[in-house]
Amino acid sequence: MPKDRNLSFDPIERAFESWKGRWGESTSMLAITSVMRAQQLLLARVDAIVKPYELTFARYEALVLLTFSRAGALPLSKIGERLQVHPTSVTNIIDRLEKSGLVARRPNPDDGRGTLAEITDKGREVVEAATRDLMAAEFGMGALSPDQHRELFTVLRDLRVAAGDFEV
């Protein structure tokens, strides 16, 4: 929807009212629709911030993960596990980062068949600059207070625990 066109009503709330009339009240429908719209908004915002660095947020996350590793390198399987994405997605992400000179692949000395992705000096520079920009923009979450950020994290964490993302 174009930014210059503001609705005079909340379309999610309107859909919820219609839903209630047809199928009965479902606060879970209200919540999921809000979460999905918020995800669209936030992803668009953060992708716009990292775009000047020829990154997407997914590629940015991979660079951050490599920055956090002791050696600046991780096996592709570990990257997928930590980012919670499919191996095909990891391969695509690392391919793009490698083409940009932000990551280099090298053999894993601990696993003859495995490959490590290692952040380059250029990758470190880019992740630092992109992080400054994201933090200045509060990762697109500036409309919420720090307390709301924590509350949102806690609520969504319960969903992640229920899905088995990690053990508590």
C-alpha atoms as a PDB file:
ATOM      1  CA  MET A   1       0.000   0.000   0.000  1.00  0.00           C
ATOM      2  CA  PRO A   2       1.391   3.441  -0.877  1.00  0.00           C
ATOM      3  CA  LYS A   3       2.608   5.468   2.105  1.00  0.00           C
ATOM      4  CA  ASP A   4       0.515   8.503   1.148  1.00  0.00           C
ATOM      5  CA  ARG A   5      -2.760   6.594   1.546  1.00  0.00           C
ATOM      6  CA  ASN A   6      -3.793   6.287   5.168  1.00  0.00           C
ATOM      7  CA  LEU A   7      -6.886   4.311   6.029  1.00  0.00           C
ATOM      8  CA  SER A   8      -9.399   5.793   8.426  1.00  0.00           C
ATOM      9  CA  PHE A   9      -9.737   2.426  10.194  1.00  0.00           C
ATOM     10  CA  ASP A  10      -7.577  -0.504  11.266  1.00  0.00           C
ATOM     11  CA  PRO A  11      -8.048  -3.199   8.576  1.00  0.00           C
ATOM     12  CA  ILE A  12      -6.949  -5.944  10.955  1.00  0.00           C
ATOM     13  CA  GLU A  13      -9.487  -4.886  13.554  1.00  0.00           C
ATOM     14  CA  ARG A  14     -12.140  -4.656  10.816  1.00  0.00           C
ATOM     15  CA  ALA A  15     -11.258  -8.194   9.652  1.00  0.00           C
ATOM     16  CA  PHE A  16     -11.481  -9.388  13.256  1.00  0.00           C
ATOM     17  CA  GLU A  17     -15.004  -7.969  13.584  1.00  0.00           C
ATOM     18  CA  SER A  18     -16.039  -9.664  10.319  1.00  0.00           C
ATOM     19  CA  TRP A  19     -14.408 -12.889  11.473  1.00  0.00           C
ATOM     20  CA  LYS A  20     -16.364 -12.818  14.743  1.00  0.00           C
ATOM     21  CA  GLY A  21     -19.620 -12.391  12.836  1.00  0.00           C
ATOM     22  CA  ARG A  22     -18.908 -15.345  10.573  1.00  0.00           C
ATOM     23  CA  TRP A  23     -16.904 -17.863  12.628  1.00  0.00           C
ATOM     24  CA  GLY A  24     -16.913 -16.572  16.190  1.00  0.00           C
ATOM     25  CA  GLU A  25     -14.316 -14.710  18.208  1.00  0.00           C
ATOM     26  CA  SER A  26     -10.720 -15.712  17.620  1.00  0.00           C
ATOM     27  CA  THR A  27      -8.170 -13.559  19.359  1.00  0.00           C
ATOM     28  CA  SER A  28      -5.488 -15.844  17.879  1.00  0.00           C
ATOM     29  CA  MET A  29      -6.598 -14.695  14.385  1.00  0.00           C
ATOM     30  CA  LEU A  30      -6.279 -11.100  15.551  1.00  0.00           C
ATOM     31  CA  ALA A  31      -2.801 -11.750  16.955  1.00  0.00           C
ATOM     32  CA  ILE A  32      -1.404 -13.711  13.998  1.00  0.00           C
ATOM     33  CA  THR A  33      -2.626 -11.162  11.481  1.00  0.00           C
ATOM     34  CA  SER A  34      -1.004  -8.377  13.513  1.00  0.00           C
ATOM     35  CA  VAL A  35       2.267 -10.304  13.872  1.00  0.00           C
ATOM     36  CA  MET A  36       2.413 -11.055  10.149  1.00  0.00           C
ATOM     37  CA  ARG A  37       1.773  -7.411   9.208  1.00  0.00           C
ATOM     38  CA  ALA A  38       4.347  -6.222  11.735  1.00  0.00           C
ATOM     39  CA  GLN A  39       6.851  -8.686  10.264  1.00  0.00           C
ATOM     40  CA  GLN A  40       6.245  -7.237   6.785  1.00  0.00           C
ATOM     41  CA  LEU A  41       6.750  -3.698   8.056  1.00  0.00           C
ATOM     42  CA  LEU A  42       9.875  -4.473  10.060  1.00  0.00           C
ATOM     43  CA  LEU A  43      11.516  -6.546   7.351  1.00  0.00           C
ATOM     44  CA  ALA A  44      10.925  -3.773   4.818  1.00  0.00           C
ATOM     45  CA  ARG A  45      12.438  -1.221   7.204  1.00  0.00           C
ATOM     46  CA  VAL A  46      15.554  -3.189   8.108  1.00  0.00           C
ATOM     47  CA  ASP A  47      16.108  -4.331   4.519  1.00  0.00           C
ATOM     48  CA  ALA A  48      15.963  -0.680   3.419  1.00  0.00           C
ATOM     49  CA  ILE A  49      18.585   0.221   6.035  1.00  0.00           C
ATOM     50  CA  VAL A  50      21.035  -2.515   5.001  1.00  0.00           C
ATOM     51  CA  LYS A  51      20.387  -2.210   1.245  1.00  0.00           C
ATOM     52  CA  PRO A  52      23.112   0.457   0.722  1.00  0.00           C
ATOM     53  CA  TYR A  53      25.570  -2.203   1.937  1.00  0.00           C
ATOM     54  CA  GLU A  54      24.217  -4.666  -0.659  1.00  0.00           C
ATOM     55  CA  LEU A  55      22.768  -6.749   2.160  1.00  0.00           C
ATOM     56  CA  THR A  56      19.433  -8.158   3.137  1.00  0.00           C
ATOM     57  CA  PHE A  57      18.612  -8.607   6.805  1.00  0.00           C
ATOM     58  CA  ALA A  58      19.240 -12.366   6.426  1.00  0.00           C
ATOM     59  CA  ARG A  59      22.750 -11.709   5.096  1.00  0.00           C
ATOM     60  CA  TYR A  60      23.337  -9.134   7.811  1.00  0.00           C
ATOM     61  CA  GLU A  61      22.363 -11.718  10.459  1.00  0.00           C
ATOM     62  CA  ALA A  62      24.872 -14.187   9.013  1.00  0.00           C
ATOM     63  CA  LEU A  63      27.648 -11.579   9.160  1.00  0.00           C
ATOM     64  CA  VAL A  64      26.760 -10.739  12.763  1.00  0.00           C
ATOM     65  CA  LEU A  65      26.838 -14.424  13.663  1.00  0.00           C
ATOM     66  CA  LEU A  66      30.304 -14.783  12.138  1.00  0.00           C
ATOM     67  CA  THR A  67      31.423 -11.659  14.006  1.00  0.00           C
ATOM     68  CA  PHE A  68      30.277 -13.238  17.274  1.00  0.00           C
ATOM     69  CA  SER A  69      32.236 -16.453  16.643  1.00  0.00           C
ATOM     70  CA  ARG A  70      35.687 -16.671  18.241  1.00  0.00           C
ATOM     71  CA  ALA A  71      37.546 -17.310  14.995  1.00  0.00           C
ATOM     72  CA  GLY A  72      35.228 -15.319  12.717  1.00  0.00           C
ATOM     73  CA  ALA A  73      34.345 -18.559  10.957  1.00  0.00           C
ATOM     74  CA  LEU A  74      31.678 -21.232  11.361  1.00  0.00           C
ATOM     75  CA  PRO A  75      30.623 -24.392   9.542  1.00  0.00           C
ATOM     76  CA  LEU A  76      27.677 -23.792   7.224  1.00  0.00           C
ATOM     77  CA  SER A  77      25.659 -26.343   9.213  1.00  0.00           C
ATOM     78  CA  LYS A  78      26.242 -24.346  12.422  1.00  0.00           C
ATOM     79  CA  ILE A  79      25.164 -21.129  10.681  1.00  0.00           C
ATOM     80  CA  GLY A  80      21.899 -22.777   9.642  1.00  0.00           C
ATOM     81  CA  GLU A  81      21.337 -24.116  13.143  1.00  0.00           C
ATOM     82  CA  ARG A  82      21.968 -20.757  14.813  1.00  0.00           C
ATOM     83  CA  LEU A  83      19.943 -18.729  12.300  1.00  0.00           C
ATOM     84  CA  GLN A  84      17.262 -21.434  12.266  1.00  0.00           C
ATOM     85  CA  VAL A  85      17.105 -21.635   8.489  1.00  0.00           C
ATOM     86  CA  HIS A  86      17.199 -24.460   5.951  1.00  0.00           C
ATOM     87  CA  PRO A  87      20.630 -25.536   4.598  1.00  0.00           C
ATOM     88  CA  THR A  88      19.630 -24.318   1.123  1.00  0.00           C
ATOM     89  CA  SER A  89      19.023 -20.840   2.541  1.00  0.00           C
ATOM     90  CA  VAL A  90      22.429 -20.861   4.242  1.00  0.00           C
ATOM     91  CA  THR A  91      24.118 -21.816   0.981  1.00  0.00           C
ATOM     92  CA  ASN A  92      22.332 -18.976  -0.825  1.00  0.00           C
ATOM     93  CA  ILE A  93      23.206 -16.456   1.900  1.00  0.00           C
ATOM     94  CA  ILE A  94      26.876 -17.459   1.967  1.00  0.00           C
ATOM     95  CA  ASP A  95      27.053 -17.517  -1.865  1.00  0.00           C
ATOM     96  CA  ARG A  96      25.828 -13.909  -1.985  1.00  0.00           C
ATOM     97  CA  LEU A  97      28.140 -12.776   0.817  1.00  0.00           C
ATOM     98  CA  GLU A  98      31.075 -14.477  -0.876  1.00  0.00           C
ATOM     99  CA  LYS A  99      30.306 -12.798  -4.224  1.00  0.00           C
ATOM    100  CA  SER A 100      30.317  -9.450  -2.390  1.00  0.00           C
ATOM    101  CA  GLY A 101      33.693 -10.203  -0.819  1.00  0.00           C
ATOM    102  CA  LEU A 102      32.240 -10.161   2.699  1.00  0.00           C
ATOM    103  CA  VAL A 103      32.797 -13.852   3.412  1.00  0.00           C
ATOM    104  CA  ALA A 104      35.284 -16.451   2.188  1.00  0.00           C
ATOM    105  CA  ARG A 105      34.747 -20.208   2.131  1.00  0.00           C
ATOM    106  CA  ARG A 106      37.499 -22.485   3.320  1.00  0.00           C
ATOM    107  CA  PRO A 107      37.798 -26.172   4.171  1.00  0.00           C
ATOM    108  CA  ASN A 108      36.872 -27.116   7.721  1.00  0.00           C
ATOM    109  CA  PRO A 109      40.038 -28.532   9.341  1.00  0.00           C
ATOM    110  CA  ASP A 110      37.891 -30.474  11.829  1.00  0.00           C
ATOM    111  CA  ASP A 111      35.704 -32.068   9.139  1.00  0.00           C
ATOM    112  CA  GLY A 112      37.249 -33.108   5.836  1.00  0.00           C
ATOM    113  CA  ARG A 113      33.907 -32.859   4.038  1.00  0.00           C
ATOM    114  CA  GLY A 114      32.728 -29.641   5.666  1.00  0.00           C
ATOM    115  CA  THR A 115      33.122 -26.014   4.714  1.00  0.00           C
ATOM    116  CA  LEU A 116      33.624 -22.969   6.889  1.00  0.00           C
ATOM    117  CA  ALA A 117      32.347 -19.502   6.100  1.00  0.00           C
ATOM    118  CA  GLU A 118      34.794 -16.883   7.333  1.00  0.00           C
ATOM    119  CA  ILE A 119      34.087 -13.172   7.567  1.00  0.00           C
ATOM    120  CA  THR A 120      36.572 -11.004   5.666  1.00  0.00           C
ATOM    121  CA  ASP A 121      37.987  -7.657   6.738  1.00  0.00           C
ATOM    122  CA  LYS A 122      35.580  -6.015   4.290  1.00  0.00           C
ATOM    123  CA  GLY A 123      32.738  -8.019   5.881  1.00  0.00           C
ATOM    124  CA  ARG A 124      33.734  -6.747   9.318  1.00  0.00           C
ATOM    125  CA  GLU A 125      33.711  -3.150   8.076  1.00  0.00           C
ATOM    126  CA  VAL A 126      30.314  -3.574   6.444  1.00  0.00           C
ATOM    127  CA  VAL A 127      28.710  -5.237   9.467  1.00  0.00           C
ATOM    128  CA  GLU A 128      29.981  -2.448  11.744  1.00  0.00           C
ATOM    129  CA  ALA A 129      28.590   0.280   9.474  1.00  0.00           C
ATOM    130  CA  ALA A 130      25.260  -1.499   8.943  1.00  0.00           C
ATOM    131  CA  THR A 131      24.946  -2.100  12.690  1.00  0.00           C
ATOM    132  CA  ARG A 132      25.465   1.596  13.426  1.00  0.00           C
ATOM    133  CA  ASP A 133      22.662   2.432  10.976  1.00  0.00           C
ATOM    134  CA  LEU A 134      20.306  -0.235  12.344  1.00  0.00           C
ATOM    135  CA  MET A 135      20.907   0.856  15.916  1.00  0.00           C
ATOM    136  CA  ALA A 136      20.346   4.511  15.001  1.00  0.00           C
ATOM    137  CA  ALA A 137      17.001   3.443  13.498  1.00  0.00           C
ATOM    138  CA  GLU A 138      16.258   1.213  16.511  1.00  0.00           C
ATOM    139  CA  PHE A 139      15.951  -1.702  14.073  1.00  0.00           C
ATOM    140  CA  GLY A 140      12.676  -0.179  12.894  1.00  0.00           C
ATOM    141  CA  MET A 141      11.203  -0.604  16.387  1.00  0.00           C
ATOM    142  CA  GLY A 142      11.338   3.056  17.453  1.00  0.00           C
ATOM    143  CA  ALA A 143       7.556   3.279  17.812  1.00  0.00           C
ATOM    144  CA  LEU A 144       7.822   1.004  20.858  1.00  0.00           C
ATOM    145  CA  SER A 145       9.483   1.698  24.196  1.00  0.00           C
ATOM    146  CA  PRO A 146      12.343  -0.415  25.573  1.00  0.00           C
ATOM    147  CA  ASP A 147       9.858  -1.973  28.012  1.00  0.00           C
ATOM    148  CA  GLN A 148       7.590  -2.881  25.092  1.00  0.00           C
ATOM    149  CA  HIS A 149      10.569  -4.415  23.271  1.00  0.00           C
ATOM    150  CA  ARG A 150      11.207  -6.658  26.291  1.00  0.00           C
ATOM    151  CA  GLU A 151       7.508  -7.510  26.640  1.00  0.00           C
ATOM    152  CA  LEU A 152       7.271  -8.399  22.956  1.00  0.00           C
ATOM    153  CA  PHE A 153      10.374 -10.567  23.232  1.00  0.00           C
ATOM    154  CA  THR A 154       8.898 -12.401  26.228  1.00  0.00           C
ATOM    155  CA  VAL A 155       5.544 -13.043  24.560  1.00  0.00           C
ATOM    156  CA  LEU A 156       7.134 -14.273  21.333  1.00  0.00           C
ATOM    157  CA  ARG A 157       9.690 -16.348  23.252  1.00  0.00           C
ATOM    158  CA  ASP A 158       6.813 -18.408  24.671  1.00  0.00           C
ATOM    159  CA  LEU A 159       5.782 -19.265  21.091  1.00  0.00           C
ATOM    160  CA  ARG A 160       9.354 -20.228  20.210  1.00  0.00           C
ATOM    161  CA  VAL A 161       9.662 -22.453  23.277  1.00  0.00           C
ATOM    162  CA  ALA A 162       6.331 -24.138  22.457  1.00  0.00           C
ATOM    163  CA  ALA A 163       7.587 -24.786  18.922  1.00  0.00           C
ATOM    164  CA  GLY A 164      10.714 -26.491  20.293  1.00  0.00           C
ATOM    165  CA  ASP A 165      13.199 -23.892  19.066  1.00  0.00           C
ATOM    166  CA  PHE A 166      15.249 -24.514  22.206  1.00  0.00           C
ATOM    167  CA  GLU A 167      15.001 -26.110  25.621  1.00  0.00           C
ATOM    168  CA  VAL A 168      14.226 -24.038  28.666  1.00  0.00           C
END
